[in-house]
Amino acid sequence: MSLFLSRDDLRELSGRHQRRKVTEWLRENGYRFDVAADGWPKVLAAAVEARLMPSARKRKPTEPDFSVYAAPSKKAA
Protein backbone atom coordinates (compact mmCIF):
# COMPACT_ATOMS: atom_id res chain seq x y z
CA MET A 1 0.00 0.00 0.00
CA SER A 2 1.27 3.42 -0.93
CA LEU A 3 1.51 6.41 1.36
CA PHE A 4 -0.43 8.50 -1.17
CA LEU A 5 -3.58 7.81 -3.18
CA SER A 6 -2.94 6.88 -6.80
CA ARG A 7 -4.45 8.84 -9.67
CA ASP A 8 -7.03 6.08 -10.08
CA ASP A 9 -7.87 6.32 -6.37
CA LEU A 10 -8.27 10.10 -6.67
CA ARG A 11 -10.53 9.68 -9.70
CA GLU A 12 -12.65 7.11 -7.87
CA LEU A 13 -12.87 9.23 -4.71
CA SER A 14 -13.81 12.42 -6.52
CA GLY A 15 -15.74 11.06 -9.46
CA ARG A 16 -13.69 13.42 -11.65
CA HIS A 17 -11.06 12.58 -14.25
CA GLN A 18 -9.19 15.80 -15.00
CA ARG A 19 -6.56 16.86 -12.49
CA ARG A 20 -8.02 20.36 -12.24
CA LYS A 21 -11.47 18.93 -11.48
CA VAL A 22 -10.03 16.46 -8.97
CA THR A 23 -8.23 19.33 -7.22
CA GLU A 24 -11.42 21.43 -7.15
CA TRP A 25 -13.39 18.54 -5.67
CA LEU A 26 -10.79 17.91 -2.97
CA ARG A 27 -10.81 21.61 -2.03
CA GLU A 28 -14.63 21.78 -1.98
CA ASN A 29 -14.82 18.72 0.26
CA GLY A 30 -12.16 19.82 2.75
CA TYR A 31 -9.40 17.36 1.90
CA ARG A 32 -5.86 18.58 2.53
CA PHE A 33 -3.39 17.97 -0.25
CA ASP A 34 -0.18 19.13 -1.89
CA VAL A 35 0.35 19.44 -5.60
CA ALA A 36 3.12 17.43 -7.24
CA ALA A 37 5.37 18.78 -9.97
CA ASP A 38 3.10 17.20 -12.60
CA GLY A 39 0.11 19.15 -11.27
CA TRP A 40 -1.72 16.19 -9.72
CA PRO A 41 -2.80 16.48 -6.08
CA LYS A 42 -1.02 14.31 -3.51
CA VAL A 43 -3.38 13.05 -0.80
CA LEU A 44 -2.32 10.88 2.12
CA ALA A 45 -4.20 7.57 2.19
CA ALA A 46 -4.31 7.79 6.01
CA ALA A 47 -6.11 11.15 5.83
CA VAL A 48 -8.84 9.68 3.64
CA GLU A 49 -9.19 6.62 5.88
CA ALA A 50 -9.45 8.80 8.98
CA ARG A 51 -12.11 10.94 7.35
CA LEU A 52 -14.17 8.04 6.00
CA MET A 53 -13.81 5.89 9.15
CA PRO A 54 -14.18 8.35 12.05
CA SER A 55 -14.74 5.58 14.61
CA ALA A 56 -11.18 4.35 14.05
CA ARG A 57 -9.74 7.78 14.81
CA LYS A 58 -11.89 8.46 17.89
CA ARG A 59 -10.93 5.35 19.81
CA LYS A 60 -10.00 6.13 23.35
CA PRO A 61 -6.69 4.64 24.39
CA THR A 62 -7.08 1.97 27.03
CA GLU A 63 -4.97 2.00 30.12
CA PRO A 64 -3.51 -1.13 31.66
CA ASP A 65 -4.87 -2.40 34.97
CA PHE A 66 -2.04 -2.00 37.47
CA SER A 67 -4.13 -3.18 40.43
CA VAL A 68 -2.61 -6.64 40.16
CA TYR A 69 0.72 -5.08 41.21
CA ALA A 70 -0.66 -3.41 44.33
CA ALA A 71 0.66 -4.57 47.68
CA PRO A 72 -1.55 -7.27 49.22
CA SER A 73 -3.87 -5.95 51.88
CA LYS A 74 -3.21 -7.00 55.45
CA LYS A 75 -6.29 -8.50 57.02
CA ALA A 76 -6.60 -9.27 60.70
CA ALA A 77 -6.36 -13.00 61.28
PDB file of N, CA and C in Angstrom:
ATOM      1  N   MET A   1       0.843  -1.183   0.000  1.00  0.00           N
ATOM      2  CA  MET A   1       0.000   0.000   0.000  1.00  0.00           C
ATOM      3  C   MET A   1       0.887   1.244   0.000  1.00  0.00           C
ATOM      4  N   SER A   2       0.496   2.194  -0.793  1.00  0.00           N
ATOM      5  CA  SER A   2       1.266   3.423  -0.934  1.00  0.00           C
ATOM      6  C   SER A   2       0.875   4.442   0.133  1.00  0.00           C
ATOM      7  N   LEU A   3       1.758   5.333   0.418  1.00  0.00           N
ATOM      8  CA  LEU A   3       1.512   6.414   1.365  1.00  0.00           C
ATOM      9  C   LEU A   3       0.460   7.385   0.816  1.00  0.00           C
ATOM     10  N   PHE A   4       0.484   7.575  -0.511  1.00  0.00           N
ATOM     11  CA  PHE A   4      -0.434   8.498  -1.174  1.00  0.00           C
ATOM     12  C   PHE A   4      -1.442   7.749  -2.036  1.00  0.00           C
ATOM     13  N   LEU A   5      -2.601   8.377  -2.265  1.00  0.00           N
ATOM     14  CA  LEU A   5      -3.579   7.809  -3.182  1.00  0.00           C
ATOM     15  C   LEU A   5      -3.037   7.887  -4.605  1.00  0.00           C
ATOM     16  N   SER A   6      -3.344   6.872  -5.397  1.00  0.00           N
ATOM     17  CA  SER A   6      -2.941   6.880  -6.798  1.00  0.00           C
ATOM     18  C   SER A   6      -3.898   7.776  -7.590  1.00  0.00           C
ATOM     19  N   ARG A   7      -3.557   8.041  -8.837  1.00  0.00           N
ATOM     20  CA  ARG A   7      -4.454   8.838  -9.675  1.00  0.00           C
ATOM     21  C   ARG A   7      -5.800   8.142  -9.825  1.00  0.00           C
ATOM     22  N   ASP A   8      -5.770   6.828  -9.975  1.00  0.00           N
ATOM     23  CA  ASP A   8      -7.033   6.085 -10.083  1.00  0.00           C
ATOM     24  C   ASP A   8      -7.850   6.211  -8.802  1.00  0.00           C
ATOM     25  N   ASP A   9      -7.179   6.153  -7.654  1.00  0.00           N
ATOM     26  CA  ASP A   9      -7.875   6.324  -6.373  1.00  0.00           C
ATOM     27  C   ASP A   9      -8.500   7.715  -6.280  1.00  0.00           C
ATOM     28  N   LEU A  10      -7.751   8.729  -6.706  1.00  0.00           N
ATOM     29  CA  LEU A  10      -8.272  10.100  -6.672  1.00  0.00           C
ATOM     30  C   LEU A  10      -9.478  10.255  -7.596  1.00  0.00           C
ATOM     31  N   ARG A  11      -9.404   9.631  -8.757  1.00  0.00           N
ATOM     32  CA  ARG A  11     -10.529   9.683  -9.696  1.00  0.00           C
ATOM     33  C   ARG A  11     -11.755   8.989  -9.107  1.00  0.00           C
ATOM     34  N   GLU A  12     -11.539   7.846  -8.469  1.00  0.00           N
ATOM     35  CA  GLU A  12     -12.647   7.114  -7.866  1.00  0.00           C
ATOM     36  C   GLU A  12     -13.251   7.893  -6.694  1.00  0.00           C
ATOM     37  N   LEU A  13     -12.403   8.468  -5.862  1.00  0.00           N
ATOM     38  CA  LEU A  13     -12.873   9.228  -4.709  1.00  0.00           C
ATOM     39  C   LEU A  13     -13.687  10.442  -5.140  1.00  0.00           C
ATOM     40  N   SER A  14     -13.181  11.162  -6.123  1.00  0.00           N
ATOM     41  CA  SER A  14     -13.810  12.424  -6.520  1.00  0.00           C
ATOM     42  C   SER A  14     -14.889  12.270  -7.577  1.00  0.00           C
ATOM     43  N   GLY A  15     -14.812  11.209  -8.349  1.00  0.00           N
ATOM     44  CA  GLY A  15     -15.739  11.063  -9.464  1.00  0.00           C
ATOM     45  C   GLY A  15     -15.362  11.964 -10.635  1.00  0.00           C
ATOM     46  N   ARG A  16     -14.191  12.535 -10.590  1.00  0.00           N
ATOM     47  CA  ARG A  16     -13.686  13.423 -11.646  1.00  0.00           C
ATOM     48  C   ARG A  16     -12.479  12.768 -12.304  1.00  0.00           C
ATOM     49  N   HIS A  17     -12.167  13.205 -13.537  1.00  0.00           N
ATOM     50  CA  HIS A  17     -11.061  12.577 -14.251  1.00  0.00           C
ATOM     51  C   HIS A  17      -9.934  13.548 -14.597  1.00  0.00           C
ATOM     52  N   GLN A  18     -10.222  14.809 -14.701  1.00  0.00           N
ATOM     53  CA  GLN A  18      -9.189  15.800 -15.000  1.00  0.00           C
ATOM     54  C   GLN A  18      -8.558  16.272 -13.697  1.00  0.00           C
ATOM     55  N   ARG A  19      -7.246  16.478 -13.736  1.00  0.00           N
ATOM     56  CA  ARG A  19      -6.562  16.858 -12.495  1.00  0.00           C
ATOM     57  C   ARG A  19      -7.101  18.154 -11.908  1.00  0.00           C
ATOM     58  N   ARG A  20      -7.468  19.092 -12.744  1.00  0.00           N
ATOM     59  CA  ARG A  20      -8.023  20.358 -12.242  1.00  0.00           C
ATOM     60  C   ARG A  20      -9.348  20.104 -11.526  1.00  0.00           C
ATOM     61  N   LYS A  21     -10.176  19.252 -12.097  1.00  0.00           N
ATOM     62  CA  LYS A  21     -11.466  18.935 -11.479  1.00  0.00           C
ATOM     63  C   LYS A  21     -11.290  18.132 -10.188  1.00  0.00           C
ATOM     64  N   VAL A  22     -10.327  17.227 -10.186  1.00  0.00           N
ATOM     65  CA  VAL A  22     -10.032  16.458  -8.969  1.00  0.00           C
ATOM     66  C   VAL A  22      -9.599  17.414  -7.861  1.00  0.00           C
ATOM     67  N   THR A  23      -8.710  18.349  -8.194  1.00  0.00           N
ATOM     68  CA  THR A  23      -8.230  19.332  -7.224  1.00  0.00           C
ATOM     69  C   THR A  23      -9.367  20.187  -6.698  1.00  0.00           C
ATOM     70  N   GLU A  24     -10.260  20.637  -7.571  1.00  0.00           N
ATOM     71  CA  GLU A  24     -11.422  21.430  -7.150  1.00  0.00           C
ATOM     72  C   GLU A  24     -12.296  20.637  -6.187  1.00  0.00           C
ATOM     73  N   TRP A  25     -12.538  19.370  -6.509  1.00  0.00           N
ATOM     74  CA  TRP A  25     -13.390  18.538  -5.670  1.00  0.00           C
ATOM     75  C   TRP A  25     -12.764  18.347  -4.290  1.00  0.00           C
ATOM     76  N   LEU A  26     -11.465  18.082  -4.260  1.00  0.00           N
ATOM     77  CA  LEU A  26     -10.787  17.914  -2.973  1.00  0.00           C
ATOM     78  C   LEU A  26     -10.908  19.179  -2.126  1.00  0.00           C
ATOM     79  N   ARG A  27     -10.710  20.325  -2.744  1.00  0.00           N
ATOM     80  CA  ARG A  27     -10.807  21.607  -2.034  1.00  0.00           C
ATOM     81  C   ARG A  27     -12.228  21.820  -1.513  1.00  0.00           C
ATOM     82  N   GLU A  28     -13.229  21.581  -2.366  1.00  0.00           N
ATOM     83  CA  GLU A  28     -14.634  21.779  -1.984  1.00  0.00           C
ATOM     84  C   GLU A  28     -15.055  20.868  -0.842  1.00  0.00           C
ATOM     85  N   ASN A  29     -14.433  19.700  -0.752  1.00  0.00           N
ATOM     86  CA  ASN A  29     -14.815  18.720   0.262  1.00  0.00           C
ATOM     87  C   ASN A  29     -13.874  18.689   1.462  1.00  0.00           C
ATOM     88  N   GLY A  30     -12.981  19.658   1.546  1.00  0.00           N
ATOM     89  CA  GLY A  30     -12.163  19.822   2.745  1.00  0.00           C
ATOM     90  C   GLY A  30     -11.000  18.870   2.896  1.00  0.00           C
ATOM     91  N   TYR A  31     -10.560  18.241   1.819  1.00  0.00           N
ATOM     92  CA  TYR A  31      -9.399  17.363   1.901  1.00  0.00           C
ATOM     93  C   TYR A  31      -8.132  18.199   1.786  1.00  0.00           C
ATOM     94  N   ARG A  32      -7.150  17.901   2.612  1.00  0.00           N
ATOM     95  CA  ARG A  32      -5.863  18.581   2.532  1.00  0.00           C
ATOM     96  C   ARG A  32      -4.991  17.834   1.536  1.00  0.00           C
ATOM     97  N   PHE A  33      -4.257  18.587   0.740  1.00  0.00           N
ATOM     98  CA  PHE A  33      -3.392  17.967  -0.255  1.00  0.00           C
ATOM     99  C   PHE A  33      -2.284  18.923  -0.658  1.00  0.00           C
ATOM    100  N   ASP A  34      -1.251  18.368  -1.241  1.00  0.00           N
ATOM    101  CA  ASP A  34      -0.184  19.125  -1.888  1.00  0.00           C
ATOM    102  C   ASP A  34      -0.299  18.839  -3.371  1.00  0.00           C
ATOM    103  N   VAL A  35       0.351  19.655  -4.163  1.00  0.00           N
ATOM    104  CA  VAL A  35       0.345  19.439  -5.602  1.00  0.00           C
ATOM    105  C   VAL A  35       1.745  19.028  -6.026  1.00  0.00           C
ATOM    106  N   ALA A  36       1.833  17.926  -6.751  1.00  0.00           N
ATOM    107  CA  ALA A  36       3.117  17.426  -7.241  1.00  0.00           C
ATOM    108  C   ALA A  36       3.584  18.259  -8.432  1.00  0.00           C
ATOM    109  N   ALA A  37       4.797  18.034  -8.852  1.00  0.00           N
ATOM    110  CA  ALA A  37       5.372  18.782  -9.971  1.00  0.00           C
ATOM    111  C   ALA A  37       4.572  18.597 -11.253  1.00  0.00           C
ATOM    112  N   ASP A  38       3.892  17.453 -11.394  1.00  0.00           N
ATOM    113  CA  ASP A  38       3.102  17.204 -12.603  1.00  0.00           C
ATOM    114  C   ASP A  38       1.701  17.810 -12.528  1.00  0.00           C
ATOM    115  N   GLY A  39       1.398  18.487 -11.415  1.00  0.00           N
ATOM    116  CA  GLY A  39       0.108  19.152 -11.272  1.00  0.00           C
ATOM    117  C   GLY A  39      -0.981  18.323 -10.617  1.00  0.00           C
ATOM    118  N   TRP A  40      -0.724  17.041 -10.363  1.00  0.00           N
ATOM    119  CA  TRP A  40      -1.725  16.188  -9.723  1.00  0.00           C
ATOM    120  C   TRP A  40      -1.654  16.358  -8.208  1.00  0.00           C
ATOM    121  N   PRO A  41      -2.803  16.362  -7.545  1.00  0.00           N
ATOM    122  CA  PRO A  41      -2.798  16.478  -6.084  1.00  0.00           C
ATOM    123  C   PRO A  41      -2.241  15.218  -5.438  1.00  0.00           C
ATOM    124  N   LYS A  42      -1.566  15.414  -4.315  1.00  0.00           N
ATOM    125  CA  LYS A  42      -1.024  14.312  -3.513  1.00  0.00           C
ATOM    126  C   LYS A  42      -1.806  14.289  -2.201  1.00  0.00           C
ATOM    127  N   VAL A  43      -2.535  13.190  -1.978  1.00  0.00           N
ATOM    128  CA  VAL A  43      -3.384  13.048  -0.796  1.00  0.00           C
ATOM    129  C   VAL A  43      -2.925  11.822  -0.018  1.00  0.00           C
ATOM    130  N   LEU A  44      -2.711  12.006   1.274  1.00  0.00           N
ATOM    131  CA  LEU A  44      -2.323  10.878   2.122  1.00  0.00           C
ATOM    132  C   LEU A  44      -3.473   9.885   2.245  1.00  0.00           C
ATOM    133  N   ALA A  45      -3.180   8.613   2.052  1.00  0.00           N
ATOM    134  CA  ALA A  45      -4.198   7.570   2.194  1.00  0.00           C
ATOM    135  C   ALA A  45      -4.746   7.552   3.626  1.00  0.00           C
ATOM    136  N   ALA A  46      -3.882   7.790   4.604  1.00  0.00           N
ATOM    137  CA  ALA A  46      -4.313   7.788   6.009  1.00  0.00           C
ATOM    138  C   ALA A  46      -5.318   8.907   6.294  1.00  0.00           C
ATOM    139  N   ALA A  47      -5.174  10.044   5.624  1.00  0.00           N
ATOM    140  CA  ALA A  47      -6.111  11.153   5.826  1.00  0.00           C
ATOM    141  C   ALA A  47      -7.498  10.790   5.317  1.00  0.00           C
ATOM    142  N   VAL A  48      -7.551  10.096   4.197  1.00  0.00           N
ATOM    143  CA  VAL A  48      -8.839   9.682   3.638  1.00  0.00           C
ATOM    144  C   VAL A  48      -9.468   8.616   4.534  1.00  0.00           C
ATOM    145  N   GLU A  49      -8.672   7.660   4.987  1.00  0.00           N
ATOM    146  CA  GLU A  49      -9.190   6.624   5.884  1.00  0.00           C
ATOM    147  C   GLU A  49      -9.727   7.229   7.172  1.00  0.00           C
ATOM    148  N   ALA A  50      -9.001   8.172   7.743  1.00  0.00           N
ATOM    149  CA  ALA A  50      -9.445   8.805   8.984  1.00  0.00           C
ATOM    150  C   ALA A  50     -10.747   9.560   8.777  1.00  0.00           C
ATOM    151  N   ARG A  51     -10.891  10.167   7.618  1.00  0.00           N
ATOM    152  CA  ARG A  51     -12.105  10.935   7.350  1.00  0.00           C
ATOM    153  C   ARG A  51     -13.301  10.024   7.080  1.00  0.00           C
ATOM    154  N   LEU A  52     -13.074   8.931   6.370  1.00  0.00           N
ATOM    155  CA  LEU A  52     -14.170   8.039   6.004  1.00  0.00           C
ATOM    156  C   LEU A  52     -14.499   7.020   7.087  1.00  0.00           C
ATOM    157  N   MET A  53     -13.583   6.827   8.047  1.00  0.00           N
ATOM    158  CA  MET A  53     -13.814   5.895   9.148  1.00  0.00           C
ATOM    159  C   MET A  53     -13.560   6.611  10.468  1.00  0.00           C
ATOM    160  N   PRO A  54     -14.435   7.550  10.845  1.00  0.00           N
ATOM    161  CA  PRO A  54     -14.183   8.346  12.052  1.00  0.00           C
ATOM    162  C   PRO A  54     -14.111   7.521  13.327  1.00  0.00           C
ATOM    163  N   SER A  55     -14.774   6.375  13.383  1.00  0.00           N
ATOM    164  CA  SER A  55     -14.741   5.578  14.610  1.00  0.00           C
ATOM    165  C   SER A  55     -13.330   5.078  14.889  1.00  0.00           C
ATOM    166  N   ALA A  56     -12.549   4.822  13.858  1.00  0.00           N
ATOM    167  CA  ALA A  56     -11.176   4.348  14.050  1.00  0.00           C
ATOM    168  C   ALA A  56     -10.301   5.444  14.632  1.00  0.00           C
ATOM    169  N   ARG A  57     -10.588   6.692  14.321  1.00  0.00           N
ATOM    170  CA  ARG A  57      -9.740   7.776  14.810  1.00  0.00           C
ATOM    171  C   ARG A  57     -10.165   8.260  16.185  1.00  0.00           C
ATOM    172  N   LYS A  58     -11.396   7.978  16.601  1.00  0.00           N
ATOM    173  CA  LYS A  58     -11.890   8.462  17.888  1.00  0.00           C
ATOM    174  C   LYS A  58     -11.772   7.440  19.008  1.00  0.00           C
ATOM    175  N   ARG A  59     -11.082   6.350  18.762  1.00  0.00           N
ATOM    176  CA  ARG A  59     -10.925   5.351  19.808  1.00  0.00           C
ATOM    177  C   ARG A  59     -10.165   5.937  20.972  1.00  0.00           C
ATOM    178  N   LYS A  60     -10.687   5.670  22.153  1.00  0.00           N
ATOM    179  CA  LYS A  60      -9.997   6.133  23.348  1.00  0.00           C
ATOM    180  C   LYS A  60      -8.916   5.114  23.696  1.00  0.00           C
ATOM    181  N   PRO A  61      -7.735   5.589  24.010  1.00  0.00           N
ATOM    182  CA  PRO A  61      -6.689   4.637  24.394  1.00  0.00           C
ATOM    183  C   PRO A  61      -7.049   3.964  25.708  1.00  0.00           C
ATOM    184  N   THR A  62      -6.784   2.700  25.790  1.00  0.00           N
ATOM    185  CA  THR A  62      -7.076   1.972  27.029  1.00  0.00           C
ATOM    186  C   THR A  62      -5.833   2.005  27.904  1.00  0.00           C
ATOM    187  N   GLU A  63      -6.068   1.989  29.178  1.00  0.00           N
ATOM    188  CA  GLU A  63      -4.967   1.997  30.122  1.00  0.00           C
ATOM    189  C   GLU A  63      -4.871   0.628  30.776  1.00  0.00           C
ATOM    190  N   PRO A  64      -3.665   0.171  31.022  1.00  0.00           N
ATOM    191  CA  PRO A  64      -3.514  -1.132  31.660  1.00  0.00           C
ATOM    192  C   PRO A  64      -4.009  -1.104  33.099  1.00  0.00           C
ATOM    193  N   ASP A  65      -4.400  -2.256  33.594  1.00  0.00           N
ATOM    194  CA  ASP A  65      -4.869  -2.397  34.972  1.00  0.00           C
ATOM    195  C   ASP A  65      -3.677  -2.764  35.856  1.00  0.00           C
ATOM    196  N   PHE A  66      -3.205  -1.784  36.614  1.00  0.00           N
ATOM    197  CA  PHE A  66      -2.045  -2.000  37.473  1.00  0.00           C
ATOM    198  C   PHE A  66      -2.435  -2.506  38.868  1.00  0.00           C
ATOM    199  N   SER A  67      -3.698  -2.736  39.092  1.00  0.00           N
ATOM    200  CA  SER A  67      -4.130  -3.175  40.431  1.00  0.00           C
ATOM    201  C   SER A  67      -3.549  -4.526  40.811  1.00  0.00           C
ATOM    202  N   VAL A  68      -3.192  -5.334  39.851  1.00  0.00           N
ATOM    203  CA  VAL A  68      -2.611  -6.641  40.162  1.00  0.00           C
ATOM    204  C   VAL A  68      -1.231  -6.488  40.806  1.00  0.00           C
ATOM    205  N   TYR A  69      -0.610  -5.322  40.638  1.00  0.00           N
ATOM    206  CA  TYR A  69       0.716  -5.078  41.211  1.00  0.00           C
ATOM    207  C   TYR A  69       0.660  -4.393  42.554  1.00  0.00           C
ATOM    208  N   ALA A  70      -0.527  -4.080  43.037  1.00  0.00           N
ATOM    209  CA  ALA A  70      -0.659  -3.405  44.334  1.00  0.00           C
ATOM    210  C   ALA A  70      -0.239  -4.353  45.450  1.00  0.00           C
ATOM    211  N   ALA A  71       0.248  -3.768  46.524  1.00  0.00           N
ATOM    212  CA  ALA A  71       0.658  -4.573  47.681  1.00  0.00           C
ATOM    213  C   ALA A  71      -0.565  -5.281  48.250  1.00  0.00           C
ATOM    214  N   PRO A  72      -0.395  -6.535  48.660  1.00  0.00           N
ATOM    215  CA  PRO A  72      -1.548  -7.268  49.221  1.00  0.00           C
ATOM    216  C   PRO A  72      -2.019  -6.582  50.500  1.00  0.00           C
ATOM    217  N   SER A  73      -3.319  -6.592  50.679  1.00  0.00           N
ATOM    218  CA  SER A  73      -3.870  -5.955  51.878  1.00  0.00           C
ATOM    219  C   SER A  73      -3.621  -6.869  53.086  1.00  0.00           C
ATOM    220  N   LYS A  74      -3.447  -6.231  54.231  1.00  0.00           N
ATOM    221  CA  LYS A  74      -3.206  -7.002  55.449  1.00  0.00           C
ATOM    222  C   LYS A  74      -4.520  -7.080  56.213  1.00  0.00           C
ATOM    223  N   LYS A  75      -5.029  -8.276  56.308  1.00  0.00           N
ATOM    224  CA  LYS A  75      -6.289  -8.503  57.018  1.00  0.00           C
ATOM    225  C   LYS A  75      -5.968  -9.090  58.399  1.00  0.00           C
ATOM    226  N   ALA A  76      -6.767  -8.729  59.355  1.00  0.00           N
ATOM    227  CA  ALA A  76      -6.596  -9.266  60.704  1.00  0.00           C
ATOM    228  C   ALA A  76      -6.966 -10.745  60.700  1.00  0.00           C
ATOM    229  N   ALA A  77      -6.126 -11.566  61.284  1.00  0.00           N
ATOM    230  CA  ALA A  77      -6.360 -12.996  61.285  1.00  0.00           C
ATOM    231  C   ALA A  77      -7.105 -13.441  62.504  1.00  0.00           C
TER     232      ALA A  77
END
